Amino acid sequence: MSALAGKRVLVTRAAEDLAELAALLAARGARPVALPCIAFADPVDPAPMEEALRRLRSGPGPAFVVLASPHAAERFLARVDPAWLQGVRIAAAGEGTARRIGERGFAALAPAQGVGADALVGMLAPLVSGKDVLLPRAEGGNPALVAGLEQAGARVWAPALYRTVPAATADPEGARLLREGRIDAIAFASGSAARGFAGLFGPEAPGLSGRALIACMGRTCAADARAAGLRVDAVADGGLPELVEALESVLSTGRPTGPG
């Protein structure tokens, strides 16, 4: 039996992105508890994205469109006509993003192994030299992806498609269970979610989170969680499936796991 069976796990992703992680947890017998700690909003300056859409519409389009998250895929593809993307290859950062693109009726390239900027750059580097690459992304997103593509010789345009903001209020049921000490683990899939958690609960955050085991997706997320005053028990080196595995491991042993 999985160590996650019957355990309440706080899922801190934005409301639009909760379902995938919740389903992975439920498949192991866990009881996911929604407490979105971040939300999505329009960029402060929408003009660069509007210009990118005008260029797509009028052509010629870029050789590649790179979508680095499920939300980026959903938001971008909702705004384009499929005809604008004829002859354009779409690249996705991981299976979850590729699946969201597929649901919109598009095919996508995705790294065979790994997730995130490193895996995406590794896949695209042999393909993008001298090519135009459109990267609609989160405002203030990871600069490593742009830098890696440019180093591979791509001409990258990375307009802000959306921004991630802290959640304004805590979900009442999730907050109640957390305060009652009935949450067994907390999953952070991004540093912004960890910071959002700290912002929602203020001085209470370290004490409340200290009653549960905490797993973070990647070293950057873990560093942001620690900087926000939260203890980190497990660090997943990969995507959402690896985050679930890290939670399962730390719940079975109670000992810190994963990369430092």
C-alpha atoms as a PDB file:
ATOM      1  CA  MET A   1       0.000   0.000   0.000  1.00  0.00           C
ATOM      2  CA  SER A   2       1.239   3.492  -0.812  1.00  0.00           C
ATOM      3  CA  ALA A   3       2.397   5.667   2.074  1.00  0.00           C
ATOM      4  CA  LEU A   4       0.059   8.295   0.608  1.00  0.00           C
ATOM      5  CA  ALA A   5      -3.052   6.169   1.185  1.00  0.00           C
ATOM      6  CA  GLY A   6      -5.527   8.059   3.327  1.00  0.00           C
ATOM      7  CA  LYS A   7      -3.199  11.045   3.776  1.00  0.00           C
ATOM      8  CA  ARG A   8      -4.464  14.570   3.332  1.00  0.00           C
ATOM      9  CA  VAL A   9      -2.144  16.483   1.001  1.00  0.00           C
ATOM     10  CA  LEU A  10      -2.488  20.214   0.557  1.00  0.00           C
ATOM     11  CA  VAL A  11      -2.347  21.160  -3.140  1.00  0.00           C
ATOM     12  CA  THR A  12      -1.190  24.763  -3.457  1.00  0.00           C
ATOM     13  CA  ARG A  13      -1.249  25.266  -7.238  1.00  0.00           C
ATOM     14  CA  ALA A  14      -3.515  27.859  -8.881  1.00  0.00           C
ATOM     15  CA  ALA A  15      -7.142  26.777  -9.166  1.00  0.00           C
ATOM     16  CA  GLU A  16      -6.796  26.309 -12.955  1.00  0.00           C
ATOM     17  CA  ASP A  17      -3.879  23.902 -12.483  1.00  0.00           C
ATOM     18  CA  LEU A  18      -4.990  21.877  -9.465  1.00  0.00           C
ATOM     19  CA  ALA A  19      -6.577  18.947 -11.255  1.00  0.00           C
ATOM     20  CA  GLU A  20      -3.490  17.178 -12.620  1.00  0.00           C
ATOM     21  CA  LEU A  21      -1.621  17.004  -9.311  1.00  0.00           C
ATOM     22  CA  ALA A  22      -4.799  16.134  -7.417  1.00  0.00           C
ATOM     23  CA  ALA A  23      -5.442  13.225  -9.810  1.00  0.00           C
ATOM     24  CA  LEU A  24      -1.899  11.889  -9.405  1.00  0.00           C
ATOM     25  CA  LEU A  25      -2.248  12.011  -5.635  1.00  0.00           C
ATOM     26  CA  ALA A  26      -5.683  10.391  -5.651  1.00  0.00           C
ATOM     27  CA  ALA A  27      -4.307   7.566  -7.813  1.00  0.00           C
ATOM     28  CA  ARG A  28      -1.986   6.696  -4.908  1.00  0.00           C
ATOM     29  CA  GLY A  29      -4.868   6.783  -2.431  1.00  0.00           C
ATOM     30  CA  ALA A  30      -4.188  10.261  -1.048  1.00  0.00           C
ATOM     31  CA  ARG A  31      -6.904  12.766  -0.166  1.00  0.00           C
ATOM     32  CA  PRO A  32      -6.001  15.989  -2.022  1.00  0.00           C
ATOM     33  CA  VAL A  33      -7.062  19.207  -0.294  1.00  0.00           C
ATOM     34  CA  ALA A  34      -7.239  22.326  -2.454  1.00  0.00           C
ATOM     35  CA  LEU A  35      -5.679  25.485  -1.121  1.00  0.00           C
ATOM     36  CA  PRO A  36      -4.585  27.624  -4.093  1.00  0.00           C
ATOM     37  CA  CYS A  37      -1.766  29.926  -3.017  1.00  0.00           C
ATOM     38  CA  ILE A  38      -1.343  31.675  -6.373  1.00  0.00           C
ATOM     39  CA  ALA A  39      -3.603  32.994  -9.113  1.00  0.00           C
ATOM     40  CA  PHE A  40      -3.131  34.174 -12.695  1.00  0.00           C
ATOM     41  CA  ALA A  41      -3.696  37.676 -14.031  1.00  0.00           C
ATOM     42  CA  ASP A  42      -3.115  39.615 -17.236  1.00  0.00           C
ATOM     43  CA  PRO A  43       0.371  41.089 -17.683  1.00  0.00           C
ATOM     44  CA  VAL A  44       1.015  44.617 -16.503  1.00  0.00           C
ATOM     45  CA  ASP A  45       1.892  45.598 -20.072  1.00  0.00           C
ATOM     46  CA  PRO A  46      -0.172  43.603 -22.617  1.00  0.00           C
ATOM     47  CA  ALA A  47       1.272  45.418 -25.663  1.00  0.00           C
ATOM     48  CA  PRO A  48       4.131  42.985 -26.463  1.00  0.00           C
ATOM     49  CA  MET A  49       1.750  40.010 -26.439  1.00  0.00           C
ATOM     50  CA  GLU A  50      -0.746  41.859 -28.618  1.00  0.00           C
ATOM     51  CA  GLU A  51       2.049  42.632 -31.075  1.00  0.00           C
ATOM     52  CA  ALA A  52       3.074  38.949 -31.096  1.00  0.00           C
ATOM     53  CA  LEU A  53      -0.495  37.958 -31.960  1.00  0.00           C
ATOM     54  CA  ARG A  54      -0.618  40.545 -34.760  1.00  0.00           C
ATOM     55  CA  ARG A  55       2.612  39.134 -36.200  1.00  0.00           C
ATOM     56  CA  LEU A  56       1.251  35.595 -36.029  1.00  0.00           C
ATOM     57  CA  ARG A  57      -1.948  36.664 -37.775  1.00  0.00           C
ATOM     58  CA  SER A  58      -0.223  38.540 -40.595  1.00  0.00           C
ATOM     59  CA  GLY A  59       2.723  36.124 -41.016  1.00  0.00           C
ATOM     60  CA  PRO A  60       5.273  34.902 -41.581  1.00  0.00           C
ATOM     61  CA  GLY A  61       5.160  33.084 -38.273  1.00  0.00           C
ATOM     62  CA  PRO A  62       8.026  31.831 -36.136  1.00  0.00           C
ATOM     63  CA  ALA A  63       9.550  28.413 -36.662  1.00  0.00           C
ATOM     64  CA  PHE A  64       8.629  27.403 -33.113  1.00  0.00           C
ATOM     65  CA  VAL A  65       6.202  28.391 -30.389  1.00  0.00           C
ATOM     66  CA  VAL A  66       7.437  27.240 -26.982  1.00  0.00           C
ATOM     67  CA  LEU A  67       4.903  26.799 -24.178  1.00  0.00           C
ATOM     68  CA  ALA A  68       6.464  26.240 -20.782  1.00  0.00           C
ATOM     69  CA  SER A  69       3.425  25.461 -18.612  1.00  0.00           C
ATOM     70  CA  PRO A  70      -0.114  24.098 -18.935  1.00  0.00           C
ATOM     71  CA  HIS A  71      -1.535  27.525 -18.141  1.00  0.00           C
ATOM     72  CA  ALA A  72       0.614  29.170 -20.809  1.00  0.00           C
ATOM     73  CA  ALA A  73      -0.660  26.588 -23.285  1.00  0.00           C
ATOM     74  CA  GLU A  74      -4.290  27.133 -22.323  1.00  0.00           C
ATOM     75  CA  ARG A  75      -4.106  30.923 -22.333  1.00  0.00           C
ATOM     76  CA  PHE A  76      -2.100  31.243 -25.544  1.00  0.00           C
ATOM     77  CA  LEU A  77      -4.007  28.709 -27.640  1.00  0.00           C
ATOM     78  CA  ALA A  78      -7.330  30.219 -26.572  1.00  0.00           C
ATOM     79  CA  ARG A  79      -6.255  33.427 -28.282  1.00  0.00           C
ATOM     80  CA  VAL A  80      -5.022  32.121 -31.624  1.00  0.00           C
ATOM     81  CA  ASP A  81      -6.679  30.867 -34.775  1.00  0.00           C
ATOM     82  CA  PRO A  82      -5.285  27.449 -35.768  1.00  0.00           C
ATOM     83  CA  ALA A  83      -4.617  28.857 -39.240  1.00  0.00           C
ATOM     84  CA  TRP A  84      -2.066  31.246 -37.736  1.00  0.00           C
ATOM     85  CA  LEU A  85       0.037  28.269 -36.606  1.00  0.00           C
ATOM     86  CA  GLN A  86       0.230  26.415 -39.899  1.00  0.00           C
ATOM     87  CA  GLY A  87       3.842  25.414 -40.423  1.00  0.00           C
ATOM     88  CA  VAL A  88       4.743  26.388 -36.850  1.00  0.00           C
ATOM     89  CA  ARG A  89       6.068  23.658 -34.551  1.00  0.00           C
ATOM     90  CA  ILE A  90       4.913  23.757 -30.929  1.00  0.00           C
ATOM     91  CA  ALA A  91       7.203  22.644 -28.119  1.00  0.00           C
ATOM     92  CA  ALA A  92       6.007  21.836 -24.602  1.00  0.00           C
ATOM     93  CA  ALA A  93       7.853  21.687 -21.297  1.00  0.00           C
ATOM     94  CA  GLY A  94       6.745  18.250 -20.164  1.00  0.00           C
ATOM     95  CA  GLU A  95       3.881  15.817 -20.550  1.00  0.00           C
ATOM     96  CA  GLY A  96       1.314  17.911 -18.667  1.00  0.00           C
ATOM     97  CA  THR A  97       1.797  20.871 -20.996  1.00  0.00           C
ATOM     98  CA  ALA A  98       1.838  18.617 -24.071  1.00  0.00           C
ATOM     99  CA  ARG A  99      -1.423  17.038 -22.937  1.00  0.00           C
ATOM    100  CA  ARG A 100      -3.063  20.468 -22.547  1.00  0.00           C
ATOM    101  CA  ILE A 101      -1.880  21.395 -26.064  1.00  0.00           C
ATOM    102  CA  GLY A 102      -3.279  18.129 -27.412  1.00  0.00           C
ATOM    103  CA  GLU A 103      -6.643  18.871 -25.827  1.00  0.00           C
ATOM    104  CA  ARG A 104      -6.715  22.004 -27.975  1.00  0.00           C
ATOM    105  CA  GLY A 105      -6.152  19.928 -31.107  1.00  0.00           C
ATOM    106  CA  PHE A 106      -2.470  20.685 -31.667  1.00  0.00           C
ATOM    107  CA  ALA A 107       0.527  18.374 -31.753  1.00  0.00           C
ATOM    108  CA  ALA A 108       3.524  19.194 -29.566  1.00  0.00           C
ATOM    109  CA  LEU A 109       7.124  18.166 -29.124  1.00  0.00           C
ATOM    110  CA  ALA A 110       8.078  17.393 -25.531  1.00  0.00           C
ATOM    111  CA  PRO A 111      11.316  16.219 -23.906  1.00  0.00           C
ATOM    112  CA  ALA A 112      11.556  12.433 -23.702  1.00  0.00           C
ATOM    113  CA  GLN A 113      13.060  12.784 -20.240  1.00  0.00           C
ATOM    114  CA  GLY A 114      13.002  15.530 -17.642  1.00  0.00           C
ATOM    115  CA  VAL A 115      10.969  18.708 -17.418  1.00  0.00           C
ATOM    116  CA  GLY A 116      11.598  22.419 -17.268  1.00  0.00           C
ATOM    117  CA  ALA A 117      14.057  24.744 -18.944  1.00  0.00           C
ATOM    118  CA  ASP A 118      17.054  22.403 -19.090  1.00  0.00           C
ATOM    119  CA  ALA A 119      15.156  19.540 -20.698  1.00  0.00           C
ATOM    120  CA  LEU A 120      13.392  21.860 -23.137  1.00  0.00           C
ATOM    121  CA  VAL A 121      16.609  23.588 -24.200  1.00  0.00           C
ATOM    122  CA  GLY A 122      18.308  20.216 -24.584  1.00  0.00           C
ATOM    123  CA  MET A 123      15.560  19.044 -26.935  1.00  0.00           C
ATOM    124  CA  LEU A 124      15.358  22.247 -28.977  1.00  0.00           C
ATOM    125  CA  ALA A 125      19.015  23.258 -29.176  1.00  0.00           C
ATOM    126  CA  PRO A 126      19.756  21.203 -32.325  1.00  0.00           C
ATOM    127  CA  LEU A 127      16.625  22.570 -34.039  1.00  0.00           C
ATOM    128  CA  VAL A 128      16.512  26.328 -33.436  1.00  0.00           C
ATOM    129  CA  SER A 129      19.787  27.801 -34.635  1.00  0.00           C
ATOM    130  CA  GLY A 130      18.988  30.788 -36.840  1.00  0.00           C
ATOM    131  CA  LYS A 131      15.243  30.309 -36.271  1.00  0.00           C
ATOM    132  CA  ASP A 132      12.593  32.634 -34.812  1.00  0.00           C
ATOM    133  CA  VAL A 133      11.112  31.292 -31.567  1.00  0.00           C
ATOM    134  CA  LEU A 134       8.049  32.743 -29.873  1.00  0.00           C
ATOM    135  CA  LEU A 135       7.959  32.072 -26.127  1.00  0.00           C
ATOM    136  CA  PRO A 136       4.739  33.464 -24.614  1.00  0.00           C
ATOM    137  CA  ARG A 137       5.350  33.110 -20.893  1.00  0.00           C
ATOM    138  CA  ALA A 138       4.754  34.274 -17.377  1.00  0.00           C
ATOM    139  CA  GLU A 139       5.872  37.791 -16.563  1.00  0.00           C
ATOM    140  CA  GLY A 140       9.192  37.465 -14.745  1.00  0.00           C
ATOM    141  CA  GLY A 141       9.489  33.814 -15.816  1.00  0.00           C
ATOM    142  CA  ASN A 142      12.617  31.706 -15.555  1.00  0.00           C
ATOM    143  CA  PRO A 143      15.355  33.489 -17.574  1.00  0.00           C
ATOM    144  CA  ALA A 144      17.202  30.202 -18.103  1.00  0.00           C
ATOM    145  CA  LEU A 145      14.872  29.153 -20.918  1.00  0.00           C
ATOM    146  CA  VAL A 146      15.367  32.355 -22.928  1.00  0.00           C
ATOM    147  CA  ALA A 147      19.118  32.312 -22.275  1.00  0.00           C
ATOM    148  CA  GLY A 148      19.449  28.658 -23.292  1.00  0.00           C
ATOM    149  CA  LEU A 149      17.521  29.105 -26.532  1.00  0.00           C
ATOM    150  CA  GLU A 150      19.496  32.219 -27.436  1.00  0.00           C
ATOM    151  CA  GLN A 151      22.743  30.400 -26.683  1.00  0.00           C
ATOM    152  CA  ALA A 152      21.592  27.715 -29.120  1.00  0.00           C
ATOM    153  CA  GLY A 153      21.304  30.405 -31.797  1.00  0.00           C
ATOM    154  CA  ALA A 154      17.563  31.108 -31.713  1.00  0.00           C
ATOM    155  CA  ARG A 155      16.053  34.547 -32.154  1.00  0.00           C
ATOM    156  CA  VAL A 156      13.717  34.570 -29.157  1.00  0.00           C
ATOM    157  CA  TRP A 157      10.748  36.832 -28.558  1.00  0.00           C
ATOM    158  CA  ALA A 158       9.357  36.284 -25.070  1.00  0.00           C
ATOM    159  CA  PRO A 159       6.338  38.548 -24.479  1.00  0.00           C
ATOM    160  CA  ALA A 160       4.524  38.346 -21.152  1.00  0.00           C
ATOM    161  CA  LEU A 161       1.345  36.300 -21.612  1.00  0.00           C
ATOM    162  CA  TYR A 162       0.228  36.438 -17.982  1.00  0.00           C
ATOM    163  CA  ARG A 163       1.552  37.013 -14.504  1.00  0.00           C
ATOM    164  CA  THR A 164       1.422  34.936 -11.384  1.00  0.00           C
ATOM    165  CA  VAL A 165       0.075  36.733  -8.324  1.00  0.00           C
ATOM    166  CA  PRO A 166      -0.466  35.639  -4.717  1.00  0.00           C
ATOM    167  CA  ALA A 167      -3.922  34.315  -3.918  1.00  0.00           C
ATOM    168  CA  ALA A 168      -6.025  36.995  -2.263  1.00  0.00           C
ATOM    169  CA  THR A 169      -7.696  34.688   0.279  1.00  0.00           C
ATOM    170  CA  ALA A 170      -7.195  31.173   1.596  1.00  0.00           C
ATOM    171  CA  ASP A 171      -9.703  28.437   0.768  1.00  0.00           C
ATOM    172  CA  PRO A 172     -11.753  28.155   3.998  1.00  0.00           C
ATOM    173  CA  GLU A 173     -11.867  24.347   4.132  1.00  0.00           C
ATOM    174  CA  GLY A 174      -8.183  23.903   3.370  1.00  0.00           C
ATOM    175  CA  ALA A 175      -7.234  26.563   5.915  1.00  0.00           C
ATOM    176  CA  ARG A 176      -9.457  24.958   8.553  1.00  0.00           C
ATOM    177  CA  LEU A 177      -7.894  21.529   8.111  1.00  0.00           C
ATOM    178  CA  LEU A 178      -4.428  23.070   8.188  1.00  0.00           C
ATOM    179  CA  ARG A 179      -5.103  24.958  11.418  1.00  0.00           C
ATOM    180  CA  GLU A 180      -6.599  21.845  13.013  1.00  0.00           C
ATOM    181  CA  GLY A 181      -3.420  19.893  12.250  1.00  0.00           C
ATOM    182  CA  ARG A 182      -5.250  17.519   9.915  1.00  0.00           C
ATOM    183  CA  ILE A 183      -2.987  18.017   6.881  1.00  0.00           C
ATOM    184  CA  ASP A 184      -0.306  15.346   6.546  1.00  0.00           C
ATOM    185  CA  ALA A 185       1.735  16.893   3.734  1.00  0.00           C
ATOM    186  CA  ILE A 186       1.999  20.024   1.609  1.00  0.00           C
ATOM    187  CA  ALA A 187       3.011  20.016  -2.060  1.00  0.00           C
ATOM    188  CA  PHE A 188       4.629  23.086  -3.611  1.00  0.00           C
ATOM    189  CA  ALA A 189       5.118  22.919  -7.384  1.00  0.00           C
ATOM    190  CA  SER A 190       6.625  26.411  -7.644  1.00  0.00           C
ATOM    191  CA  GLY A 191       8.423  28.963  -5.558  1.00  0.00           C
ATOM    192  CA  SER A 192       5.567  31.395  -6.144  1.00  0.00           C
ATOM    193  CA  ALA A 193       3.172  28.945  -4.469  1.00  0.00           C
ATOM    194  CA  ALA A 194       5.469  28.694  -1.451  1.00  0.00           C
ATOM    195  CA  ARG A 195       5.690  32.478  -1.240  1.00  0.00           C
ATOM    196  CA  GLY A 196       1.920  32.700  -1.686  1.00  0.00           C
ATOM    197  CA  PHE A 197       1.418  30.279   1.221  1.00  0.00           C
ATOM    198  CA  ALA A 198       3.653  32.409   3.418  1.00  0.00           C
ATOM    199  CA  GLY A 199       1.750  35.511   2.348  1.00  0.00           C
ATOM    200  CA  LEU A 200      -1.667  33.992   3.051  1.00  0.00           C
ATOM    201  CA  PHE A 201      -0.813  32.886   6.574  1.00  0.00           C
ATOM    202  CA  GLY A 202       1.769  35.486   7.551  1.00  0.00           C
ATOM    203  CA  PRO A 203       3.519  34.821  10.877  1.00  0.00           C
ATOM    204  CA  GLU A 204       1.424  31.654  11.275  1.00  0.00           C
ATOM    205  CA  ALA A 205       2.919  30.042   8.168  1.00  0.00           C
ATOM    206  CA  PRO A 206       6.036  28.353   9.625  1.00  0.00           C
ATOM    207  CA  GLY A 207       4.108  26.937  12.578  1.00  0.00           C
ATOM    208  CA  LEU A 208       1.182  25.733  10.499  1.00  0.00           C
ATOM    209  CA  SER A 209       3.381  24.146   7.853  1.00  0.00           C
ATOM    210  CA  GLY A 210       5.584  22.611  10.556  1.00  0.00           C
ATOM    211  CA  ARG A 211       2.799  20.183  11.431  1.00  0.00           C
ATOM    212  CA  ALA A 212       2.997  18.605   7.953  1.00  0.00           C
ATOM    213  CA  LEU A 213       5.749  17.223   5.727  1.00  0.00           C
ATOM    214  CA  ILE A 214       6.628  19.528   2.828  1.00  0.00           C
ATOM    215  CA  ALA A 215       7.727  18.520  -0.661  1.00  0.00           C
ATOM    216  CA  CYS A 216       8.907  20.955  -3.339  1.00  0.00           C
ATOM    217  CA  MET A 217       9.267  20.466  -7.085  1.00  0.00           C
ATOM    218  CA  GLY A 218      12.884  21.333  -7.846  1.00  0.00           C
ATOM    219  CA  ARG A 219      15.728  23.107  -6.108  1.00  0.00           C
ATOM    220  CA  THR A 220      14.535  26.619  -6.989  1.00  0.00           C
ATOM    221  CA  CYS A 221      11.130  25.958  -5.440  1.00  0.00           C
ATOM    222  CA  ALA A 222      12.804  24.520  -2.341  1.00  0.00           C
ATOM    223  CA  ALA A 223      15.096  27.538  -2.009  1.00  0.00           C
ATOM    224  CA  ASP A 224      12.124  29.902  -2.287  1.00  0.00           C
ATOM    225  CA  ALA A 225      10.199  27.906   0.322  1.00  0.00           C
ATOM    226  CA  ARG A 226      13.107  28.046   2.753  1.00  0.00           C
ATOM    227  CA  ALA A 227      13.537  31.772   2.112  1.00  0.00           C
ATOM    228  CA  ALA A 228       9.862  32.180   3.048  1.00  0.00           C
ATOM    229  CA  GLY A 229      10.562  30.537   6.399  1.00  0.00           C
ATOM    230  CA  LEU A 230       9.200  27.090   5.554  1.00  0.00           C
ATOM    231  CA  ARG A 231      10.903  23.793   6.332  1.00  0.00           C
ATOM    232  CA  VAL A 232      11.459  21.523   3.316  1.00  0.00           C
ATOM    233  CA  ASP A 233      11.410  17.745   3.824  1.00  0.00           C
ATOM    234  CA  ALA A 234      11.630  16.496   0.228  1.00  0.00           C
ATOM    235  CA  VAL A 235      12.794  17.906  -3.099  1.00  0.00           C
ATOM    236  CA  ALA A 236      11.618  16.334  -6.353  1.00  0.00           C
ATOM    237  CA  ASP A 237      14.048  16.364  -9.253  1.00  0.00           C
ATOM    238  CA  GLY A 238      11.479  16.386 -12.038  1.00  0.00           C
ATOM    239  CA  GLY A 239       7.827  17.196 -12.660  1.00  0.00           C
ATOM    240  CA  LEU A 240       4.518  16.442 -10.964  1.00  0.00           C
ATOM    241  CA  PRO A 241       4.886  12.618 -10.992  1.00  0.00           C
ATOM    242  CA  GLU A 242       8.265  13.007  -9.288  1.00  0.00           C
ATOM    243  CA  LEU A 243       6.725  15.410  -6.775  1.00  0.00           C
ATOM    244  CA  VAL A 244       4.173  12.744  -5.867  1.00  0.00           C
ATOM    245  CA  GLU A 245       6.948  10.167  -5.546  1.00  0.00           C
ATOM    246  CA  ALA A 246       8.887  12.503  -3.254  1.00  0.00           C
ATOM    247  CA  LEU A 247       5.816  12.929  -1.058  1.00  0.00           C
ATOM    248  CA  GLU A 248       5.301   9.175  -0.952  1.00  0.00           C
ATOM    249  CA  SER A 249       8.933   8.602   0.006  1.00  0.00           C
ATOM    250  CA  VAL A 250       9.072  11.187   2.773  1.00  0.00           C
ATOM    251  CA  LEU A 251       5.750  10.026   4.204  1.00  0.00           C
ATOM    252  CA  SER A 252       7.043   6.473   4.341  1.00  0.00           C
ATOM    253  CA  THR A 253      10.273   7.408   6.121  1.00  0.00           C
ATOM    254  CA  GLY A 254       9.708  10.802   7.701  1.00  0.00           C
ATOM    255  CA  ARG A 255      13.218  11.717   6.534  1.00  0.00           C
ATOM    256  CA  PRO A 256      14.261  14.437   4.053  1.00  0.00           C
ATOM    257  CA  THR A 257      14.695  13.171   0.476  1.00  0.00           C
ATOM    258  CA  GLY A 258      15.845  14.401  -2.889  1.00  0.00           C
ATOM    259  CA  PRO A 259      18.469  16.887  -4.094  1.00  0.00           C
ATOM    260  CA  GLY A 260      19.568  19.615  -1.738  1.00  0.00           C
END
